[in-house]
Structures are given as structure tokens and as C-alpha cells.
Amino acid sequence: LGVEGNFSWGDGTVAINYGNPDWIAANGGVLSIA
């Protein structure tokens, strides 16, 4: 979906890349990232 995987189409559709286990652990968990 792109370099970061986070995207808004402007019509209400959004995609969120919450990452991988190492990224999740380093950034406070999935709920915080999302």
C-alpha cells in the first residue's frame, strides 16, 4: 500500500500498518501504534 503502509483515500477509507513484533515491542504495543 506504499512505503509506510499508512494511507488515507479521503473517502473514509484508511489503512494502518501496525508493524511487526520488534516494532510493536519498541513502540508501546499495537493499540498505541494503531
Full PDB file with SEQRES, HELIX, SHEET, SSBOND, CRYST1, ORIGX, SCALE, CONECT and MASTER records, all heavy atoms in Angstrom:
SEQRES   1 A   34  LEU GLY VAL GLU GLY ASN PHE SER TRP GLY ASP GLY THR          
SEQRES   2 A   34  VAL ALA ILE ASN TYR GLY ASN PRO ASP TRP ILE ALA ALA          
SEQRES   3 A   34  ASN GLY GLY VAL LEU SER ILE ALA                              
HELIX    1 AA1 PRO A   21  ALA A   26  1                                   6    
HELIX    2 AA2 VAL A   30  ILE A   33  1                                   4    
SHEET    1 AA1 2 PHE A   7  SER A   8  0                                        
SHEET    2 AA1 2 VAL A  14  ALA A  15 -1                                        
CRYST1    1.000    1.000    1.000  90.00  90.00  90.00 P 1           1          
ORIGX1      1.000000  0.000000  0.000000        0.00000                         
ORIGX2      0.000000  1.000000  0.000000        0.00000                         
ORIGX3      0.000000  0.000000  1.000000        0.00000                         
SCALE1      1.000000  0.000000  0.000000        0.00000                         
SCALE2      0.000000  1.000000  0.000000        0.00000                         
SCALE3      0.000000  0.000000  1.000000        0.00000                         
ATOM      1  N   LEU A   1       0.809  -1.213   0.000  1.00  0.00           N  
ATOM      2  CA  LEU A   1       0.000   0.000   0.000  1.00  0.00           C  
ATOM      3  C   LEU A   1       0.845   1.268   0.000  1.00  0.00           C  
ATOM      4  O   LEU A   1       0.322   2.370   0.059  1.00  0.00           O  
ATOM      5  CB  LEU A   1      -0.941   0.005   1.211  1.00  0.00           C  
ATOM      6  CG  LEU A   1      -1.994  -1.109   1.217  1.00  0.00           C  
ATOM      7  CD1 LEU A   1      -2.772  -1.098   2.519  1.00  0.00           C  
ATOM      8  CD2 LEU A   1      -2.938  -0.964   0.041  1.00  0.00           C  
ATOM      9  N   GLY A   2       2.146   1.124  -0.047  1.00  0.00           N  
ATOM     10  CA  GLY A   2       3.011   2.302  -0.069  1.00  0.00           C  
ATOM     11  C   GLY A   2       4.240   2.074   0.778  1.00  0.00           C  
ATOM     12  O   GLY A   2       4.415   1.021   1.387  1.00  0.00           O  
ATOM     13  N   VAL A   3       5.091   3.078   0.840  1.00  0.00           N  
ATOM     14  CA  VAL A   3       6.354   2.951   1.567  1.00  0.00           C  
ATOM     15  C   VAL A   3       6.109   2.649   3.036  1.00  0.00           C  
ATOM     16  O   VAL A   3       6.762   1.800   3.639  1.00  0.00           O  
ATOM     17  CB  VAL A   3       7.187   4.233   1.410  1.00  0.00           C  
ATOM     18  CG1 VAL A   3       8.445   4.148   2.251  1.00  0.00           C  
ATOM     19  CG2 VAL A   3       7.557   4.438  -0.060  1.00  0.00           C  
ATOM     20  N   GLU A   4       5.128   3.347   3.649  1.00  0.00           N  
ATOM     21  CA  GLU A   4       4.868   3.148   5.068  1.00  0.00           C  
ATOM     22  C   GLU A   4       3.692   2.221   5.323  1.00  0.00           C  
ATOM     23  O   GLU A   4       3.553   1.669   6.403  1.00  0.00           O  
ATOM     24  CB  GLU A   4       4.588   4.494   5.746  1.00  0.00           C  
ATOM     25  CG  GLU A   4       5.761   5.457   5.724  1.00  0.00           C  
ATOM     26  CD  GLU A   4       5.409   6.783   6.349  1.00  0.00           C  
ATOM     27  OE1 GLU A   4       4.215   7.048   6.571  1.00  0.00           O  
ATOM     28  OE2 GLU A   4       6.343   7.564   6.631  1.00  0.00           O  
ATOM     29  N   GLY A   5       2.812   2.082   4.356  1.00  0.00           N  
ATOM     30  CA  GLY A   5       1.630   1.256   4.556  1.00  0.00           C  
ATOM     31  C   GLY A   5       0.507   1.957   5.271  1.00  0.00           C  
ATOM     32  O   GLY A   5      -0.520   1.346   5.566  1.00  0.00           O  
ATOM     33  N   ASN A   6       0.689   3.252   5.596  1.00  0.00           N  
ATOM     34  CA  ASN A   6      -0.371   4.047   6.210  1.00  0.00           C  
ATOM     35  C   ASN A   6      -0.917   4.993   5.154  1.00  0.00           C  
ATOM     36  O   ASN A   6      -0.166   5.744   4.537  1.00  0.00           O  
ATOM     37  CB  ASN A   6       0.169   4.847   7.398  1.00  0.00           C  
ATOM     38  CG  ASN A   6       0.709   3.947   8.487  1.00  0.00           C  
ATOM     39  OD1 ASN A   6       0.015   3.095   9.014  1.00  0.00           O  
ATOM     40  ND2 ASN A   6       1.984   4.129   8.830  1.00  0.00           N  
ATOM     41  N   PHE A   7      -2.239   4.966   4.955  1.00  0.00           N  
ATOM     42  CA  PHE A   7      -2.780   5.728   3.835  1.00  0.00           C  
ATOM     43  C   PHE A   7      -4.229   6.097   4.083  1.00  0.00           C  
ATOM     44  O   PHE A   7      -4.977   5.347   4.706  1.00  0.00           O  
ATOM     45  CB  PHE A   7      -2.675   4.914   2.548  1.00  0.00           C  
ATOM     46  CG  PHE A   7      -2.826   5.723   1.289  1.00  0.00           C  
ATOM     47  CD1 PHE A   7      -1.771   6.496   0.829  1.00  0.00           C  
ATOM     48  CD2 PHE A   7      -4.008   5.710   0.574  1.00  0.00           C  
ATOM     49  CE1 PHE A   7      -1.892   7.252  -0.332  1.00  0.00           C  
ATOM     50  CE2 PHE A   7      -4.146   6.449  -0.581  1.00  0.00           C  
ATOM     51  CZ  PHE A   7      -3.084   7.227  -1.038  1.00  0.00           C  
ATOM     52  N   SER A   8      -4.604   7.281   3.600  1.00  0.00           N  
ATOM     53  CA  SER A   8      -5.998   7.714   3.606  1.00  0.00           C  
ATOM     54  C   SER A   8      -6.420   8.006   2.178  1.00  0.00           C  
ATOM     55  O   SER A   8      -5.712   8.703   1.453  1.00  0.00           O  
ATOM     56  CB  SER A   8      -6.171   8.967   4.472  1.00  0.00           C  
ATOM     57  OG  SER A   8      -7.462   9.529   4.288  1.00  0.00           O  
ATOM     58  N   TRP A   9      -7.565   7.478   1.798  1.00  0.00           N  
ATOM     59  CA  TRP A   9      -8.099   7.745   0.463  1.00  0.00           C  
ATOM     60  C   TRP A   9      -8.999   8.989   0.453  1.00  0.00           C  
ATOM     61  O   TRP A   9      -9.470   9.395  -0.589  1.00  0.00           O  
ATOM     62  CB  TRP A   9      -8.870   6.538  -0.052  1.00  0.00           C  
ATOM     63  CG  TRP A   9      -7.987   5.439  -0.557  1.00  0.00           C  
ATOM     64  CD1 TRP A   9      -7.653   5.180  -1.858  1.00  0.00           C  
ATOM     65  CD2 TRP A   9      -7.291   4.440   0.208  1.00  0.00           C  
ATOM     66  NE1 TRP A   9      -6.805   4.095  -1.947  1.00  0.00           N  
ATOM     67  CE2 TRP A   9      -6.574   3.614  -0.694  1.00  0.00           C  
ATOM     68  CE3 TRP A   9      -7.209   4.158   1.575  1.00  0.00           C  
ATOM     69  CZ2 TRP A   9      -5.792   2.538  -0.270  1.00  0.00           C  
ATOM     70  CZ3 TRP A   9      -6.436   3.091   1.997  1.00  0.00           C  
ATOM     71  CH2 TRP A   9      -5.732   2.295   1.083  1.00  0.00           C  
ATOM     72  N   GLY A  10      -9.263   9.589   1.617  1.00  0.00           N  
ATOM     73  CA  GLY A  10     -10.061  10.795   1.707  1.00  0.00           C  
ATOM     74  C   GLY A  10     -11.556  10.553   1.770  1.00  0.00           C  
ATOM     75  O   GLY A  10     -12.321  11.466   2.100  1.00  0.00           O  
ATOM     76  N   ASP A  11     -11.976   9.324   1.471  1.00  0.00           N  
ATOM     77  CA  ASP A  11     -13.406   8.999   1.463  1.00  0.00           C  
ATOM     78  C   ASP A  11     -13.837   8.232   2.708  1.00  0.00           C  
ATOM     79  O   ASP A  11     -14.923   7.650   2.744  1.00  0.00           O  
ATOM     80  CB  ASP A  11     -13.753   8.189   0.209  1.00  0.00           C  
ATOM     81  CG  ASP A  11     -13.030   6.839   0.168  1.00  0.00           C  
ATOM     82  OD1 ASP A  11     -12.184   6.571   1.046  1.00  0.00           O  
ATOM     83  OD2 ASP A  11     -13.319   6.047  -0.757  1.00  0.00           O  
ATOM     84  N   GLY A  12     -12.982   8.236   3.722  1.00  0.00           N  
ATOM     85  CA  GLY A  12     -13.234   7.483   4.941  1.00  0.00           C  
ATOM     86  C   GLY A  12     -12.419   6.216   5.035  1.00  0.00           C  
ATOM     87  O   GLY A  12     -12.266   5.644   6.118  1.00  0.00           O  
ATOM     88  N   THR A  13     -11.874   5.768   3.901  1.00  0.00           N  
ATOM     89  CA  THR A  13     -11.062   4.556   3.892  1.00  0.00           C  
ATOM     90  C   THR A  13      -9.650   4.876   4.341  1.00  0.00           C  
ATOM     91  O   THR A  13      -9.015   5.787   3.801  1.00  0.00           O  
ATOM     92  CB  THR A  13     -11.017   3.942   2.485  1.00  0.00           C  
ATOM     93  OG1 THR A  13     -12.352   3.749   2.009  1.00  0.00           O  
ATOM     94  CG2 THR A  13     -10.288   2.617   2.494  1.00  0.00           C  
ATOM     95  N   VAL A  14      -9.161   4.147   5.342  1.00  0.00           N  
ATOM     96  CA  VAL A  14      -7.791   4.333   5.815  1.00  0.00           C  
ATOM     97  C   VAL A  14      -7.154   2.967   6.044  1.00  0.00           C  
ATOM     98  O   VAL A  14      -7.825   2.012   6.434  1.00  0.00           O  
ATOM     99  CB  VAL A  14      -7.724   5.175   7.120  1.00  0.00           C  
ATOM    100  CG1 VAL A  14      -8.271   6.563   6.898  1.00  0.00           C  
ATOM    101  CG2 VAL A  14      -8.453   4.493   8.264  1.00  0.00           C  
ATOM    102  N   ALA A  15      -5.865   2.877   5.775  1.00  0.00           N  
ATOM    103  CA  ALA A  15      -5.099   1.670   6.042  1.00  0.00           C  
ATOM    104  C   ALA A  15      -4.002   2.003   7.034  1.00  0.00           C  
ATOM    105  O   ALA A  15      -3.327   3.025   6.909  1.00  0.00           O  
ATOM    106  CB  ALA A  15      -4.499   1.115   4.750  1.00  0.00           C  
ATOM    107  N   ILE A  16      -3.845   1.146   8.023  1.00  0.00           N  
ATOM    108  CA  ILE A  16      -2.866   1.362   9.087  1.00  0.00           C  
ATOM    109  C   ILE A  16      -1.931   0.167   9.158  1.00  0.00           C  
ATOM    110  O   ILE A  16      -2.370  -0.977   9.323  1.00  0.00           O  
ATOM    111  CB  ILE A  16      -3.570   1.517  10.457  1.00  0.00           C  
ATOM    112  CG1 ILE A  16      -4.663   2.582  10.417  1.00  0.00           C  
ATOM    113  CG2 ILE A  16      -2.536   1.799  11.546  1.00  0.00           C  
ATOM    114  CD1 ILE A  16      -4.210   3.955  10.032  1.00  0.00           C  
ATOM    115  N   ASN A  17      -0.639   0.407   9.027  1.00  0.00           N  
ATOM    116  CA  ASN A  17       0.383  -0.616   9.201  1.00  0.00           C  
ATOM    117  C   ASN A  17       0.870  -0.557  10.650  1.00  0.00           C  
ATOM    118  O   ASN A  17       1.585   0.371  11.021  1.00  0.00           O  
ATOM    119  CB  ASN A  17       1.540  -0.350   8.229  1.00  0.00           C  
ATOM    120  CG  ASN A  17       2.743  -1.238   8.469  1.00  0.00           C  
ATOM    121  OD1 ASN A  17       2.664  -2.243   9.168  1.00  0.00           O  
ATOM    122  ND2 ASN A  17       3.871  -0.859   7.883  1.00  0.00           N  
ATOM    123  N   TYR A  18       0.482  -1.552  11.450  1.00  0.00           N  
ATOM    124  CA  TYR A  18       0.919  -1.535  12.859  1.00  0.00           C  
ATOM    125  C   TYR A  18       2.266  -2.229  13.059  1.00  0.00           C  
ATOM    126  O   TYR A  18       2.795  -2.281  14.165  1.00  0.00           O  
ATOM    127  CB  TYR A  18      -0.145  -2.124  13.791  1.00  0.00           C  
ATOM    128  CG  TYR A  18      -0.500  -3.575  13.559  1.00  0.00           C  
ATOM    129  CD1 TYR A  18       0.369  -4.601  13.923  1.00  0.00           C  
ATOM    130  CD2 TYR A  18      -1.725  -3.931  13.008  1.00  0.00           C  
ATOM    131  CE1 TYR A  18       0.040  -5.933  13.745  1.00  0.00           C  
ATOM    132  CE2 TYR A  18      -2.075  -5.267  12.820  1.00  0.00           C  
ATOM    133  CZ  TYR A  18      -1.186  -6.261  13.184  1.00  0.00           C  
ATOM    134  OH  TYR A  18      -1.515  -7.583  12.996  1.00  0.00           O  
ATOM    135  N   GLY A  19       2.836  -2.758  11.961  1.00  0.00           N  
ATOM    136  CA  GLY A  19       4.218  -3.194  12.032  1.00  0.00           C  
ATOM    137  C   GLY A  19       4.421  -4.674  12.271  1.00  0.00           C  
ATOM    138  O   GLY A  19       3.611  -5.519  11.894  1.00  0.00           O  
ATOM    139  N   ASN A  20       5.502  -4.968  12.925  1.00  0.00           N  
ATOM    140  CA  ASN A  20       5.963  -6.335  13.160  1.00  0.00           C  
ATOM    141  C   ASN A  20       6.324  -6.483  14.632  1.00  0.00           C  
ATOM    142  O   ASN A  20       6.363  -5.485  15.365  1.00  0.00           O  
ATOM    143  CB  ASN A  20       7.166  -6.613  12.264  1.00  0.00           C  
ATOM    144  CG  ASN A  20       8.289  -5.628  12.513  1.00  0.00           C  
ATOM    145  OD1 ASN A  20       8.985  -5.686  13.529  1.00  0.00           O  
ATOM    146  ND2 ASN A  20       8.481  -4.683  11.593  1.00  0.00           N  
ATOM    147  N   PRO A  21       6.574  -7.695  15.110  1.00  0.00           N  
ATOM    148  CA  PRO A  21       6.803  -7.877  16.542  1.00  0.00           C  
ATOM    149  C   PRO A  21       7.862  -6.970  17.160  1.00  0.00           C  
ATOM    150  O   PRO A  21       7.652  -6.424  18.242  1.00  0.00           O  
ATOM    151  CB  PRO A  21       7.192  -9.356  16.639  1.00  0.00           C  
ATOM    152  CG  PRO A  21       6.402  -9.993  15.528  1.00  0.00           C  
ATOM    153  CD  PRO A  21       6.465  -8.993  14.401  1.00  0.00           C  
ATOM    154  N   ASP A  22       8.994  -6.778  16.496  1.00  0.00           N  
ATOM    155  CA  ASP A  22      10.037  -5.922  17.065  1.00  0.00           C  
ATOM    156  C   ASP A  22       9.574  -4.464  17.118  1.00  0.00           C  
ATOM    157  O   ASP A  22       9.810  -3.754  18.102  1.00  0.00           O  
ATOM    158  CB  ASP A  22      11.331  -6.026  16.250  1.00  0.00           C  
ATOM    159  CG  ASP A  22      12.034  -7.355  16.447  1.00  0.00           C  
ATOM    160  OD1 ASP A  22      11.702  -8.069  17.406  1.00  0.00           O  
ATOM    161  OD2 ASP A  22      12.917  -7.686  15.624  1.00  0.00           O  
ATOM    162  N   TRP A  23       8.939  -3.988  16.052  1.00  0.00           N  
ATOM    163  CA  TRP A  23       8.436  -2.619  16.019  1.00  0.00           C  
ATOM    164  C   TRP A  23       7.351  -2.416  17.078  1.00  0.00           C  
ATOM    165  O   TRP A  23       7.321  -1.400  17.765  1.00  0.00           O  
ATOM    166  CB  TRP A  23       7.891  -2.316  14.619  1.00  0.00           C  
ATOM    167  CG  TRP A  23       7.294  -0.953  14.473  1.00  0.00           C  
ATOM    168  CD1 TRP A  23       5.962  -0.629  14.510  1.00  0.00           C  
ATOM    169  CD2 TRP A  23       7.997   0.286  14.289  1.00  0.00           C  
ATOM    170  NE1 TRP A  23       5.784   0.730  14.352  1.00  0.00           N  
ATOM    171  CE2 TRP A  23       7.022   1.303  14.214  1.00  0.00           C  
ATOM    172  CE3 TRP A  23       9.335   0.621  14.171  1.00  0.00           C  
ATOM    173  CZ2 TRP A  23       7.350   2.645  14.026  1.00  0.00           C  
ATOM    174  CZ3 TRP A  23       9.667   1.951  13.975  1.00  0.00           C  
ATOM    175  CH2 TRP A  23       8.693   2.947  13.912  1.00  0.00           C  
ATOM    176  N   ILE A  24       6.478  -3.391  17.214  1.00  0.00           N  
ATOM    177  CA  ILE A  24       5.401  -3.318  18.204  1.00  0.00           C  
ATOM    178  C   ILE A  24       5.980  -3.203  19.605  1.00  0.00           C  
ATOM    179  O   ILE A  24       5.550  -2.368  20.409  1.00  0.00           O  
ATOM    180  CB  ILE A  24       4.485  -4.544  18.073  1.00  0.00           C  
ATOM    181  CG1 ILE A  24       3.698  -4.475  16.751  1.00  0.00           C  
ATOM    182  CG2 ILE A  24       3.527  -4.649  19.259  1.00  0.00           C  
ATOM    183  CD1 ILE A  24       3.040  -5.788  16.363  1.00  0.00           C  
ATOM    184  N   ALA A  25       6.967  -4.024  19.904  1.00  0.00           N  
ATOM    185  CA  ALA A  25       7.573  -4.008  21.237  1.00  0.00           C  
ATOM    186  C   ALA A  25       8.277  -2.686  21.520  1.00  0.00           C  
ATOM    187  O   ALA A  25       8.289  -2.210  22.661  1.00  0.00           O  
ATOM    188  CB  ALA A  25       8.560  -5.166  21.367  1.00  0.00           C  
ATOM    189  N   ALA A  26       8.842  -2.081  20.493  1.00  0.00           N  
ATOM    190  CA  ALA A  26       9.602  -0.838  20.685  1.00  0.00           C  
ATOM    191  C   ALA A  26       8.718   0.403  20.712  1.00  0.00           C  
ATOM    192  O   ALA A  26       9.193   1.486  21.068  1.00  0.00           O  
ATOM    193  CB  ALA A  26      10.645  -0.699  19.579  1.00  0.00           C  
ATOM    194  N   ASN A  27       7.436   0.265  20.351  1.00  0.00           N  
ATOM    195  CA  ASN A  27       6.579   1.436  20.215  1.00  0.00           C  
ATOM    196  C   ASN A  27       5.288   1.343  21.010  1.00  0.00           C  
ATOM    197  O   ASN A  27       4.273   1.934  20.626  1.00  0.00           O  
ATOM    198  CB  ASN A  27       6.275   1.682  18.736  1.00  0.00           C  
ATOM    199  CG  ASN A  27       7.476   2.196  17.975  1.00  0.00           C  
ATOM    200  OD1 ASN A  27       7.750   3.390  17.940  1.00  0.00           O  
ATOM    201  ND2 ASN A  27       8.228   1.285  17.355  1.00  0.00           N  
ATOM    202  N   GLY A  28       5.341   0.624  22.107  1.00  0.00           N  
ATOM    203  CA  GLY A  28       4.233   0.665  23.060  1.00  0.00           C  
ATOM    204  C   GLY A  28       3.067  -0.243  22.778  1.00  0.00           C  
ATOM    205  O   GLY A  28       2.013  -0.114  23.425  1.00  0.00           O  
ATOM    206  N   GLY A  29       3.185  -1.150  21.813  1.00  0.00           N  
ATOM    207  CA  GLY A  29       2.119  -2.101  21.552  1.00  0.00           C  
ATOM    208  C   GLY A  29       1.222  -1.696  20.400  1.00  0.00           C  
ATOM    209  O   GLY A  29       1.230  -0.549  19.938  1.00  0.00           O  
ATOM    210  N   VAL A  30       0.439  -2.650  19.933  1.00  0.00           N  
ATOM    211  CA  VAL A  30      -0.406  -2.438  18.761  1.00  0.00           C  
ATOM    212  C   VAL A  30      -1.431  -1.337  18.997  1.00  0.00           C  
ATOM    213  O   VAL A  30      -1.676  -0.497  18.122  1.00  0.00           O  
ATOM    214  CB  VAL A  30      -1.118  -3.750  18.363  1.00  0.00           C  
ATOM    215  CG1 VAL A  30      -2.119  -3.507  17.233  1.00  0.00           C  
ATOM    216  CG2 VAL A  30      -0.105  -4.803  17.933  1.00  0.00           C  
ATOM    217  N   LEU A  31      -2.039  -1.299  20.178  1.00  0.00           N  
ATOM    218  CA  LEU A  31      -3.081  -0.307  20.434  1.00  0.00           C  
ATOM    219  C   LEU A  31      -2.524   1.106  20.340  1.00  0.00           C  
ATOM    220  O   LEU A  31      -3.149   1.999  19.751  1.00  0.00           O  
ATOM    221  CB  LEU A  31      -3.718  -0.542  21.802  1.00  0.00           C  
ATOM    222  CG  LEU A  31      -4.917   0.356  22.136  1.00  0.00           C  
ATOM    223  CD1 LEU A  31      -6.044   0.140  21.140  1.00  0.00           C  
ATOM    224  CD2 LEU A  31      -5.404   0.096  23.559  1.00  0.00           C  
ATOM    225  N   SER A  32      -1.346   1.327  20.892  1.00  0.00           N  
ATOM    226  CA  SER A  32      -0.723   2.643  20.838  1.00  0.00           C  
ATOM    227  C   SER A  32      -0.377   3.032  19.402  1.00  0.00           C  
ATOM    228  O   SER A  32      -0.664   4.152  18.964  1.00  0.00           O  
ATOM    229  CB  SER A  32       0.547   2.660  21.702  1.00  0.00           C  
ATOM    230  OG  SER A  32       1.213   3.898  21.588  1.00  0.00           O  
ATOM    231  N   ILE A  33       0.228   2.113  18.661  1.00  0.00           N  
ATOM    232  CA  ILE A  33       0.607   2.396  17.271  1.00  0.00           C  
ATOM    233  C   ILE A  33      -0.632   2.656  16.424  1.00  0.00           C  
ATOM    234  O   ILE A  33      -0.696   3.630  15.663  1.00  0.00           O  
ATOM    235  CB  ILE A  33       1.407   1.219  16.696  1.00  0.00           C  
ATOM    236  CG1 ILE A  33       2.725   1.035  17.451  1.00  0.00           C  
ATOM    237  CG2 ILE A  33       1.672   1.422  15.199  1.00  0.00           C  
ATOM    238  CD1 ILE A  33       3.418  -0.282  17.167  1.00  0.00           C  
ATOM    239  N   ALA A  34      -1.631   1.798  16.568  1.00  0.00           N  
ATOM    240  CA  ALA A  34      -2.843   1.932  15.766  1.00  0.00           C  
ATOM    241  C   ALA A  34      -3.586   3.222  16.088  1.00  0.00           C  
ATOM    242  O   ALA A  34      -4.127   3.876  15.184  1.00  0.00           O  
ATOM    243  CB  ALA A  34      -3.753   0.723  16.001  1.00  0.00           C  
TER     244      ALA A  34                                                      
MASTER        0    0    0    2    2    0    0    6  243    1    0    3          
END                                                                             
